[in-house]
Amino acid sequence: MKLTRTLAENMVYTKYEDLPKKVVLKTKRHILDILGVMFPPSSLEKACAALEEITREGEGKEESTLIGFGGKAPCWMAAFVNGSLAHPLDYDDTTDEFANHPSAHTFPAALAVAEKVGNVSGQKFITAMALGIDLNARLSAAPKGSILEDYPWVPITVFGVFSATAAAGKLLELTDQEMVNAFGIALDRASGLLESIASPDSEMRGIRDSFGNREGVLAALMAKKGISACQDSIEKLYKFFYDNDYDSSKLTSNLGSEFWVLKVGLKAWPVCRAAHTYIKAALDIATEYEVDPERIKEVLLPVGTFGKDMLFSPLEAKQSPKLSINARLSLPFIMGVVFAKRRLIIEDFFPENLKDTKVLEIAKKIKHKFDPKLLSDGAICAGEVEVRMQGGDIFQKKEDLPYGHPKNPMSDEEIIAKFKDCARYAKKVLSEEKVDQLVEKILNLENVKNIKEITQILE
């Protein structure tokens, strides 16, 4: 009970003035990034379109904006639709030392509630996001062992409902007791099975964040109305899902003074983070040695358990993926694109491009060598690429840290360029002027008096 109460009180009592300047700056960049990556699925992903259609058919009070689509819906359904947009591109931010995607389960809930509440300042919104991301990252770092190998749960969804609840509750100005109750309600909604979303025929990995954002908003709203729930939800979370085998110091060490958004990385390419070190090494080889893809004999990639089980298996499905979301979790396909096109961009995963014969031919030549010493668990290991050419030439490169990692960060110019590229794909067309306005307001969010200055641009 003490642990739950401590986390709840931190959410409730931490103020904008408590955030170091570097945390404010980092949080704003993550807000810009997550909003950007949510635009393309509104026009590219039929599963997201289906959820938007279901929401409109249900009608209801027009409270919160549907990103990329335009129009509004009740706040919990806006969180549902917007949550579905966060991960289909696999382009959202990520914790690199343990598997999670914090902003995807924080921003949709926070934005939906901010619009419902009204008159939420940019400073309040930054605070809710910084605290939600901090909670999400701490929760996912606490279990001992491998959260992707030792347990059957999807950590992103199990922990995500709590960060969604926390951010929504912060903006609803819950008391500490109400926040404790909100966490208790969220515990009843924590879910997600790895075997289910990892299926080659499933689109659910892409839209997984829809549920947690909706349930987080509802948990906060229910607590605000006085509904009580278990008082030790965080303790029970680790007892049930992780056999009580966790490090509580990850949750409380320097709580309120150290903010884990500083540990979260951004993505330079729209694919699974575990592939990023390999991508950089492969791009360097392809360009530096002017590799002719037709002369490639084979490409060898040393991988850990995650790479072997998730990025190469089942091999036939990885060599010729049928769904975009699964192509993004396939090292054979990703390497096929890199060597065939010397790039990796959003359109490379359009349905028609999944059938690109040049890419698929190279994908068959991508081999892996299992190395149990390499980090697994979705944590990022060094990516080593060895290209063996017809005629005997061998090219090798190794990349230790993915681009976008906090120790290897993307520049502001690159983050803005990524945002503008993503905005081109929004179903509801955004003019260049509006896109520039969004960039300007978000990067100066602490000066925005009302978050509706941003959502009005999206309507």
Protein backbone atom coordinates (compact mmCIF):
# COMPACT_ATOMS: atom_id res chain seq x y z
CA MET A 1 0.00 0.00 0.00
CA LYS A 2 2.88 2.37 0.80
CA LEU A 3 4.39 1.99 -2.68
CA THR A 4 1.11 2.75 -4.43
CA ARG A 5 0.52 5.74 -2.18
CA THR A 6 4.04 7.07 -2.80
CA LEU A 7 3.60 6.94 -6.58
CA ALA A 8 0.15 8.49 -6.37
CA GLU A 9 1.36 11.35 -4.19
CA ASN A 10 4.22 12.04 -6.59
CA MET A 11 1.74 12.35 -9.45
CA VAL A 12 -0.55 14.64 -7.51
CA TYR A 13 1.89 16.97 -5.80
CA THR A 14 4.68 17.43 -8.36
CA LYS A 15 4.31 20.79 -10.09
CA TYR A 16 5.66 22.31 -13.29
CA GLU A 17 8.10 24.34 -11.19
CA ASP A 18 9.61 21.06 -9.95
CA LEU A 19 10.64 20.02 -13.46
CA PRO A 20 14.26 20.76 -14.41
CA LYS A 21 14.66 22.76 -17.61
CA LYS A 22 16.18 19.78 -19.43
CA VAL A 23 13.13 17.68 -18.54
CA VAL A 24 10.79 20.34 -19.92
CA LEU A 25 12.81 20.54 -23.14
CA LYS A 26 12.93 16.76 -23.55
CA THR A 27 9.22 16.33 -22.81
CA LYS A 28 8.25 18.90 -25.45
CA ARG A 29 10.23 17.02 -28.08
CA HIS A 30 8.50 13.78 -27.16
CA ILE A 31 5.11 15.49 -27.43
CA LEU A 32 6.00 16.75 -30.91
CA ASP A 33 7.30 13.33 -31.90
CA ILE A 34 4.33 11.27 -30.71
CA LEU A 35 1.80 13.65 -32.28
CA GLY A 36 3.67 13.41 -35.58
CA VAL A 37 3.81 9.63 -35.74
CA MET A 38 0.06 9.49 -35.09
CA PHE A 39 -0.82 11.28 -38.35
CA PRO A 40 0.00 8.65 -41.00
CA PRO A 41 -2.08 5.75 -39.61
CA SER A 42 -5.21 7.89 -40.02
CA SER A 43 -4.88 7.47 -43.79
CA LEU A 44 -2.72 4.35 -44.10
CA GLU A 45 -4.07 1.83 -41.58
CA LYS A 46 -7.48 0.24 -42.12
CA ALA A 47 -7.64 -0.98 -38.51
CA CYS A 48 -7.38 2.61 -37.27
CA ALA A 49 -10.00 3.71 -39.78
CA ALA A 50 -12.29 0.97 -38.50
CA LEU A 51 -11.98 2.21 -34.92
CA GLU A 52 -12.70 5.77 -36.03
CA GLU A 53 -15.77 4.52 -37.89
CA ILE A 54 -17.01 2.60 -34.85
CA THR A 55 -16.57 5.73 -32.73
CA ARG A 56 -18.49 7.96 -35.12
CA GLU A 57 -21.30 5.40 -35.39
CA GLY A 58 -21.66 5.55 -31.62
CA GLU A 59 -21.98 9.34 -31.74
CA GLY A 60 -21.83 10.99 -28.29
CA LYS A 61 -20.66 14.31 -26.90
CA GLU A 62 -18.02 16.07 -29.00
CA GLU A 63 -15.30 16.63 -26.41
CA SER A 64 -11.91 15.64 -27.75
CA THR A 65 -10.22 15.78 -31.16
CA LEU A 66 -9.63 12.71 -33.32
CA ILE A 67 -6.06 13.21 -34.48
CA GLY A 68 -5.50 12.92 -38.21
CA PHE A 69 -9.20 12.38 -38.88
CA GLY A 70 -10.60 15.65 -37.59
CA GLY A 71 -13.86 15.99 -35.68
CA LYS A 72 -14.46 15.11 -32.04
CA ALA A 73 -15.79 12.33 -29.81
CA PRO A 74 -16.33 11.64 -26.10
CA CYS A 75 -12.95 11.90 -24.40
CA TRP A 76 -12.53 8.19 -23.64
CA MET A 77 -13.37 7.24 -27.22
CA ALA A 78 -11.02 9.90 -28.58
CA ALA A 79 -8.32 8.33 -26.40
CA PHE A 80 -9.29 4.95 -27.88
CA VAL A 81 -9.01 6.08 -31.51
CA ASN A 82 -5.94 8.24 -30.93
CA GLY A 83 -4.29 5.46 -28.96
CA SER A 84 -4.66 3.19 -31.98
CA LEU A 85 -2.61 5.67 -34.03
CA ALA A 86 0.43 5.67 -31.78
CA HIS A 87 2.18 2.45 -32.82
CA PRO A 88 1.14 1.18 -36.29
CA LEU A 89 4.26 2.76 -37.80
CA ASP A 90 6.45 1.46 -34.94
CA TYR A 91 7.88 4.98 -35.00
CA ASP A 92 7.00 6.08 -31.44
CA ASP A 93 9.53 6.72 -28.69
CA THR A 94 11.03 3.87 -26.72
CA THR A 95 12.98 2.93 -23.64
CA ASP A 96 16.13 1.27 -24.89
CA GLU A 97 17.24 -0.63 -21.79
CA PHE A 98 13.85 -2.30 -21.20
CA ALA A 99 10.94 -2.85 -23.55
CA ASN A 100 8.37 -0.07 -23.49
CA HIS A 101 6.95 2.85 -25.46
CA PRO A 102 6.02 5.50 -22.86
CA SER A 103 4.45 8.34 -24.88
CA ALA A 104 2.11 6.02 -26.79
CA HIS A 105 0.33 5.19 -23.54
CA THR A 106 0.46 8.71 -22.11
CA PHE A 107 -0.16 11.33 -24.80
CA PRO A 108 -3.51 10.11 -26.24
CA ALA A 109 -5.09 9.91 -22.78
CA ALA A 110 -3.61 13.23 -21.68
CA LEU A 111 -4.74 15.12 -24.77
CA ALA A 112 -8.27 13.73 -24.65
CA VAL A 113 -8.73 14.71 -21.00
CA ALA A 114 -7.10 18.11 -21.47
CA GLU A 115 -9.73 18.98 -24.05
CA LYS A 116 -12.55 17.72 -21.86
CA VAL A 117 -11.33 19.71 -18.87
CA GLY A 118 -10.72 22.85 -20.88
CA ASN A 119 -8.39 25.73 -20.10
CA VAL A 120 -5.41 23.41 -19.55
CA SER A 121 -2.19 25.36 -19.94
CA GLY A 122 0.86 24.14 -21.76
CA GLN A 123 2.73 23.96 -18.45
CA LYS A 124 0.09 21.69 -16.93
CA PHE A 125 0.17 19.48 -20.00
CA ILE A 126 3.97 19.21 -19.95
CA THR A 127 3.81 18.24 -16.28
CA ALA A 128 1.23 15.51 -16.88
CA MET A 129 3.28 14.11 -19.77
CA ALA A 130 6.61 14.23 -17.91
CA LEU A 131 5.11 12.46 -14.90
CA GLY A 132 3.21 9.90 -16.98
CA ILE A 133 6.32 9.00 -18.98
CA ASP A 134 8.35 8.83 -15.77
CA LEU A 135 5.87 6.42 -14.17
CA ASN A 136 5.68 4.27 -17.30
CA ALA A 137 9.45 3.93 -17.60
CA ARG A 138 9.92 3.18 -13.91
CA LEU A 139 7.19 0.54 -13.86
CA SER A 140 8.68 -1.32 -16.82
CA ALA A 141 12.22 -1.17 -15.39
CA ALA A 142 11.29 -2.75 -12.06
CA PRO A 143 10.70 -6.46 -12.89
CA LYS A 144 13.73 -8.68 -12.52
CA GLY A 145 14.72 -11.05 -15.27
CA SER A 146 13.45 -10.65 -18.82
CA ILE A 147 10.01 -9.05 -19.15
CA LEU A 148 9.69 -10.47 -22.67
CA GLU A 149 11.07 -13.95 -22.07
CA ASP A 150 10.25 -14.90 -18.49
CA TYR A 151 6.63 -13.72 -18.54
CA PRO A 152 3.76 -14.07 -21.05
CA TRP A 153 2.53 -10.48 -20.75
CA VAL A 154 2.95 -7.52 -23.07
CA PRO A 155 4.76 -5.00 -20.83
CA ILE A 156 3.72 -2.09 -23.03
CA THR A 157 0.02 -2.65 -22.35
CA VAL A 158 0.35 -3.95 -18.80
CA PHE A 159 2.21 -0.85 -17.63
CA GLY A 160 0.72 1.53 -20.18
CA VAL A 161 -2.72 1.65 -18.61
CA PHE A 162 -1.13 3.09 -15.46
CA SER A 163 0.68 5.92 -17.25
CA ALA A 164 -2.51 6.73 -19.16
CA THR A 165 -4.41 6.77 -15.87
CA ALA A 166 -1.76 8.90 -14.20
CA ALA A 167 -1.61 11.55 -16.93
CA ALA A 168 -5.41 11.72 -17.18
CA GLY A 169 -5.73 11.89 -13.40
CA LYS A 170 -3.15 14.66 -13.16
CA LEU A 171 -5.14 16.81 -15.60
CA LEU A 172 -8.39 16.03 -13.77
CA GLU A 173 -6.64 17.26 -10.61
CA LEU A 174 -7.32 14.09 -8.65
CA THR A 175 -6.52 14.09 -4.94
CA ASP A 176 -3.93 11.61 -3.71
CA GLN A 177 -6.70 9.28 -2.51
CA GLU A 178 -8.49 9.55 -5.86
CA MET A 179 -5.23 8.77 -7.67
CA VAL A 180 -4.77 5.68 -5.50
CA ASN A 181 -8.30 4.60 -6.46
CA ALA A 182 -7.60 5.35 -10.12
CA PHE A 183 -4.55 3.07 -10.02
CA GLY A 184 -6.71 0.39 -8.40
CA ILE A 185 -9.23 0.65 -11.22
CA ALA A 186 -6.41 0.55 -13.76
CA LEU A 187 -5.13 -2.70 -12.28
CA ASP A 188 -8.41 -4.35 -13.25
CA ARG A 189 -7.79 -3.27 -16.86
CA ALA A 190 -4.10 -4.27 -17.17
CA SER A 191 -3.78 -6.92 -19.86
CA GLY A 192 -2.01 -8.18 -22.97
CA LEU A 193 -0.56 -11.53 -24.10
CA LEU A 194 2.64 -11.63 -26.13
CA GLU A 195 1.65 -14.70 -28.12
CA SER A 196 -1.53 -13.00 -29.22
CA ILE A 197 -0.12 -9.74 -30.59
CA ALA A 198 3.00 -11.40 -32.03
CA SER A 199 0.94 -13.56 -34.40
CA PRO A 200 1.96 -12.99 -38.07
CA ASP A 201 -1.71 -12.65 -39.02
CA SER A 202 -2.65 -10.11 -36.35
CA GLU A 203 -2.97 -6.35 -36.68
CA MET A 204 -3.32 -5.97 -32.92
CA ARG A 205 0.32 -5.09 -32.23
CA GLY A 206 -0.22 -1.93 -34.24
CA ILE A 207 -3.36 -0.76 -32.44
CA ARG A 208 -2.59 -2.21 -28.99
CA ASP A 209 -2.37 1.20 -27.32
CA SER A 210 -6.01 2.01 -28.03
CA PHE A 211 -7.29 0.00 -25.10
CA GLY A 212 -4.90 1.24 -22.43
CA ASN A 213 -5.51 4.89 -23.26
CA ARG A 214 -9.27 4.45 -23.16
CA GLU A 215 -9.16 2.48 -19.92
CA GLY A 216 -6.77 4.99 -18.37
CA VAL A 217 -9.15 7.86 -19.09
CA LEU A 218 -12.09 5.90 -17.71
CA ALA A 219 -10.16 4.90 -14.58
CA ALA A 220 -9.35 8.54 -13.86
CA LEU A 221 -12.92 9.68 -14.54
CA MET A 222 -14.34 6.93 -12.33
CA ALA A 223 -12.01 7.85 -9.48
CA LYS A 224 -12.99 11.50 -9.86
CA LYS A 225 -16.61 10.45 -9.36
CA GLY A 226 -15.69 8.80 -6.07
CA ILE A 227 -15.44 5.14 -7.06
CA SER A 228 -13.03 3.29 -4.78
CA ALA A 229 -10.73 0.40 -5.66
CA CYS A 230 -7.90 -1.62 -4.12
CA GLN A 231 -5.40 0.54 -2.28
CA ASP A 232 -2.25 -1.43 -3.12
CA SER A 233 -2.58 -1.85 -6.88
CA ILE A 234 1.13 -1.47 -7.69
CA GLU A 235 2.09 -4.12 -5.15
CA LYS A 236 -0.61 -6.42 -6.53
CA LEU A 237 0.51 -5.70 -10.10
CA TYR A 238 3.96 -7.12 -9.44
CA LYS A 239 2.63 -9.94 -7.29
CA PHE A 240 0.27 -11.23 -9.98
CA PHE A 241 2.07 -10.41 -13.22
CA TYR A 242 5.71 -10.74 -12.09
CA ASP A 243 5.69 -13.21 -9.19
CA ASN A 244 6.70 -10.47 -6.75
CA ASP A 245 10.18 -10.51 -8.30
CA TYR A 246 10.90 -6.82 -8.76
CA ASP A 247 13.17 -4.02 -7.61
CA SER A 248 11.06 -1.41 -5.84
CA SER A 249 13.96 1.05 -5.82
CA LYS A 250 13.44 1.52 -9.57
CA LEU A 251 10.05 2.98 -8.69
CA THR A 252 11.06 5.26 -5.85
CA SER A 253 14.73 6.17 -6.20
CA ASN A 254 15.01 9.96 -6.64
CA LEU A 255 11.28 10.08 -7.31
CA GLY A 256 10.24 13.64 -7.97
CA SER A 257 13.76 14.85 -8.65
CA GLU A 258 14.95 12.47 -11.37
CA PHE A 259 12.63 12.17 -14.36
CA TRP A 260 12.97 9.14 -16.61
CA VAL A 261 11.89 10.91 -19.78
CA LEU A 262 15.62 11.61 -20.00
CA LYS A 263 16.13 7.85 -20.45
CA VAL A 264 13.67 7.59 -23.37
CA GLY A 265 14.86 7.58 -26.98
CA LEU A 266 13.34 8.68 -30.28
CA LYS A 267 13.25 6.69 -33.51
CA ALA A 268 14.90 7.66 -36.77
CA TRP A 269 13.26 4.81 -38.71
CA PRO A 270 9.69 3.41 -38.62
CA VAL A 271 10.49 -0.12 -37.43
CA CYS A 272 11.10 -2.11 -34.25
CA ARG A 273 13.80 -0.45 -32.16
CA ALA A 274 15.78 -3.69 -31.87
CA ALA A 275 16.55 -3.39 -35.59
CA HIS A 276 17.97 0.13 -35.47
CA THR A 277 21.62 -0.63 -34.78
CA TYR A 278 21.59 -3.13 -37.65
CA ILE A 279 19.96 -0.55 -39.93
CA LYS A 280 22.64 2.07 -39.32
CA ALA A 281 25.44 -0.46 -39.87
CA ALA A 282 23.79 -1.76 -43.06
CA LEU A 283 23.19 1.74 -44.47
CA ASP A 284 26.83 2.60 -43.84
CA ILE A 285 27.97 -0.54 -45.66
CA ALA A 286 25.58 -0.02 -48.58
CA THR A 287 26.69 3.58 -49.16
CA GLU A 288 30.36 3.41 -48.26
CA TYR A 289 31.07 0.34 -50.41
CA GLU A 290 28.41 1.07 -53.04
CA VAL A 291 27.04 -2.43 -52.61
CA ASP A 292 25.29 -3.83 -55.67
CA PRO A 293 22.26 -5.65 -54.18
CA GLU A 294 22.21 -8.16 -57.05
CA ARG A 295 25.72 -9.32 -56.13
CA ILE A 296 24.96 -9.98 -52.46
CA LYS A 297 25.54 -13.63 -51.61
CA GLU A 298 24.31 -13.44 -48.01
CA VAL A 299 24.09 -11.10 -45.05
CA LEU A 300 24.90 -12.42 -41.58
CA LEU A 301 23.48 -10.83 -38.41
CA PRO A 302 24.42 -11.98 -34.89
CA VAL A 303 21.29 -11.71 -32.71
CA GLY A 304 20.22 -12.41 -29.14
CA THR A 305 17.10 -14.21 -27.99
CA PHE A 306 14.73 -11.38 -28.92
CA GLY A 307 16.22 -11.12 -32.39
CA LYS A 308 16.05 -14.85 -32.93
CA ASP A 309 12.49 -15.31 -31.66
CA MET A 310 10.85 -12.05 -32.72
CA LEU A 311 12.80 -10.64 -35.67
CA PHE A 312 13.57 -13.90 -37.53
CA SER A 313 10.80 -16.31 -36.54
CA PRO A 314 8.78 -17.73 -38.18
CA LEU A 315 11.32 -17.35 -40.97
CA GLU A 316 8.99 -17.67 -43.97
CA ALA A 317 6.64 -15.03 -42.57
CA LYS A 318 9.58 -12.72 -41.84
CA GLN A 319 11.02 -13.14 -45.35
CA SER A 320 7.70 -12.23 -46.94
CA PRO A 321 5.46 -10.41 -44.41
CA LYS A 322 1.84 -9.86 -45.34
CA LEU A 323 1.08 -6.99 -42.95
CA SER A 324 2.92 -3.70 -42.57
CA ILE A 325 3.11 -3.97 -38.78
CA ASN A 326 4.79 -7.36 -39.09
CA ALA A 327 7.21 -6.18 -41.77
CA ARG A 328 8.43 -3.65 -39.20
CA LEU A 329 9.29 -6.56 -36.90
CA SER A 330 11.25 -8.47 -39.55
CA LEU A 331 15.00 -8.12 -39.92
CA PRO A 332 15.02 -10.01 -43.26
CA PHE A 333 12.51 -7.58 -44.77
CA ILE A 334 14.07 -4.49 -43.19
CA MET A 335 17.54 -5.44 -44.43
CA GLY A 336 16.03 -6.19 -47.83
CA VAL A 337 14.74 -2.61 -48.03
CA VAL A 338 18.02 -1.11 -46.81
CA PHE A 339 20.17 -2.92 -49.37
CA ALA A 340 17.68 -2.61 -52.25
CA LYS A 341 16.88 1.10 -51.71
CA ARG A 342 19.56 2.47 -49.36
CA ARG A 343 16.83 4.02 -47.20
CA LEU A 344 14.02 3.12 -44.81
CA ILE A 345 10.96 5.38 -44.96
CA ILE A 346 7.23 5.22 -44.35
CA GLU A 347 6.25 4.32 -47.90
CA ASP A 348 8.54 1.28 -47.93
CA PHE A 349 5.87 -0.42 -45.80
CA PHE A 350 2.87 0.39 -47.98
CA PRO A 351 0.99 -2.85 -48.87
CA GLU A 352 2.13 -2.78 -52.49
CA ASN A 353 5.76 -2.37 -51.41
CA LEU A 354 5.61 -5.47 -49.24
CA LYS A 355 5.59 -7.32 -52.59
CA ASP A 356 8.69 -5.60 -54.01
CA THR A 357 10.55 -8.50 -55.65
CA LYS A 358 14.00 -6.91 -55.28
CA VAL A 359 13.43 -6.49 -51.54
CA LEU A 360 12.05 -10.00 -51.12
CA GLU A 361 14.96 -11.57 -53.00
CA ILE A 362 17.44 -9.92 -50.65
CA ALA A 363 15.29 -10.85 -47.63
CA LYS A 364 15.91 -14.51 -48.45
CA LYS A 365 19.66 -13.88 -48.17
CA ILE A 366 19.50 -12.43 -44.66
CA LYS A 367 20.76 -15.00 -42.15
CA HIS A 368 21.14 -14.87 -38.40
CA LYS A 369 23.62 -16.35 -35.96
CA PHE A 370 22.35 -16.77 -32.42
CA ASP A 371 24.63 -15.33 -29.76
CA PRO A 372 23.25 -15.90 -26.23
CA LYS A 373 25.65 -13.27 -24.86
CA LEU A 374 23.85 -10.50 -26.72
CA LEU A 375 21.25 -8.56 -24.74
CA SER A 376 17.69 -9.59 -25.36
CA ASP A 377 14.37 -8.57 -23.79
CA GLY A 378 13.85 -5.91 -26.43
CA ALA A 379 16.75 -4.02 -24.87
CA ILE A 380 19.06 -2.69 -27.52
CA CYS A 381 22.19 -4.63 -28.33
CA ALA A 382 24.98 -3.67 -30.68
CA GLY A 383 24.14 -4.39 -34.29
CA GLU A 384 26.81 -6.13 -36.34
CA VAL A 385 26.30 -6.66 -40.07
CA GLU A 386 28.49 -8.82 -42.30
CA VAL A 387 27.79 -8.71 -46.04
CA ARG A 388 29.30 -11.48 -48.16
CA MET A 389 29.44 -10.71 -51.85
CA GLN A 390 29.70 -12.88 -54.90
CA GLY A 391 33.38 -12.89 -55.77
CA GLY A 392 34.51 -13.12 -52.16
CA ASP A 393 34.41 -9.55 -50.82
CA ILE A 394 33.23 -9.23 -47.21
CA PHE A 395 32.05 -5.95 -45.67
CA GLN A 396 31.50 -5.52 -41.94
CA LYS A 397 30.18 -2.77 -39.68
CA LYS A 398 29.09 -2.59 -36.06
CA GLU A 399 26.86 0.01 -34.41
CA ASP A 400 26.76 0.13 -30.62
CA LEU A 401 23.89 2.54 -29.91
CA PRO A 402 20.75 3.20 -31.97
CA TYR A 403 20.38 6.66 -33.42
CA GLY A 404 17.93 8.57 -31.25
CA HIS A 405 19.16 7.01 -28.01
CA PRO A 406 19.64 9.66 -25.28
CA LYS A 407 23.42 9.16 -25.64
CA ASN A 408 23.18 9.33 -29.45
CA PRO A 409 20.33 11.83 -29.92
CA MET A 410 18.55 13.09 -32.98
CA SER A 411 18.93 16.83 -33.60
CA ASP A 412 16.00 19.23 -33.29
CA GLU A 413 16.14 19.72 -37.05
CA GLU A 414 15.75 15.98 -37.59
CA ILE A 415 12.88 15.73 -35.10
CA ILE A 416 11.06 18.57 -36.85
CA ALA A 417 11.71 17.04 -40.29
CA LYS A 418 10.30 13.74 -39.07
CA PHE A 419 7.19 15.52 -37.77
CA LYS A 420 6.63 17.36 -41.04
CA ASP A 421 7.11 14.19 -43.08
CA CYS A 422 4.55 12.35 -40.95
CA ALA A 423 2.07 15.24 -41.13
CA ARG A 424 1.89 14.83 -44.93
CA TYR A 425 -0.04 11.60 -44.44
CA ALA A 426 -2.84 12.87 -42.17
CA LYS A 427 -6.26 11.95 -43.54
CA LYS A 428 -7.49 15.46 -42.77
CA VAL A 429 -5.02 17.48 -44.79
CA LEU A 430 -2.90 19.95 -42.83
CA SER A 431 -1.53 22.93 -44.71
CA GLU A 432 2.17 23.74 -44.47
CA GLU A 433 1.21 26.80 -42.44
CA LYS A 434 -0.70 24.71 -39.90
CA VAL A 435 2.13 22.21 -39.60
CA ASP A 436 4.54 25.07 -38.91
CA GLN A 437 2.13 26.43 -36.29
CA LEU A 438 2.03 23.07 -34.54
CA VAL A 439 5.82 22.87 -34.43
CA GLU A 440 6.12 26.41 -33.09
CA LYS A 441 3.47 25.98 -30.39
CA ILE A 442 4.68 22.59 -29.17
CA LEU A 443 8.32 23.57 -28.97
CA ASN A 444 7.19 26.61 -26.96
CA LEU A 445 4.45 24.76 -25.12
CA GLU A 446 5.24 26.29 -21.73
CA ASN A 447 4.02 29.61 -23.15
CA VAL A 448 0.71 28.22 -24.48
CA LYS A 449 -2.16 29.40 -22.26
CA ASN A 450 -4.66 26.79 -23.40
CA ILE A 451 -3.95 23.45 -25.04
CA LYS A 452 -6.91 24.12 -27.33
CA GLU A 453 -4.64 26.49 -29.23
CA ILE A 454 -3.08 23.26 -30.52
CA THR A 455 -6.14 21.05 -30.87
CA GLN A 456 -7.99 23.74 -32.84
CA ILE A 457 -5.36 23.37 -35.54
CA LEU A 458 -6.10 19.63 -35.66
CA GLU A 459 -9.90 19.86 -35.87
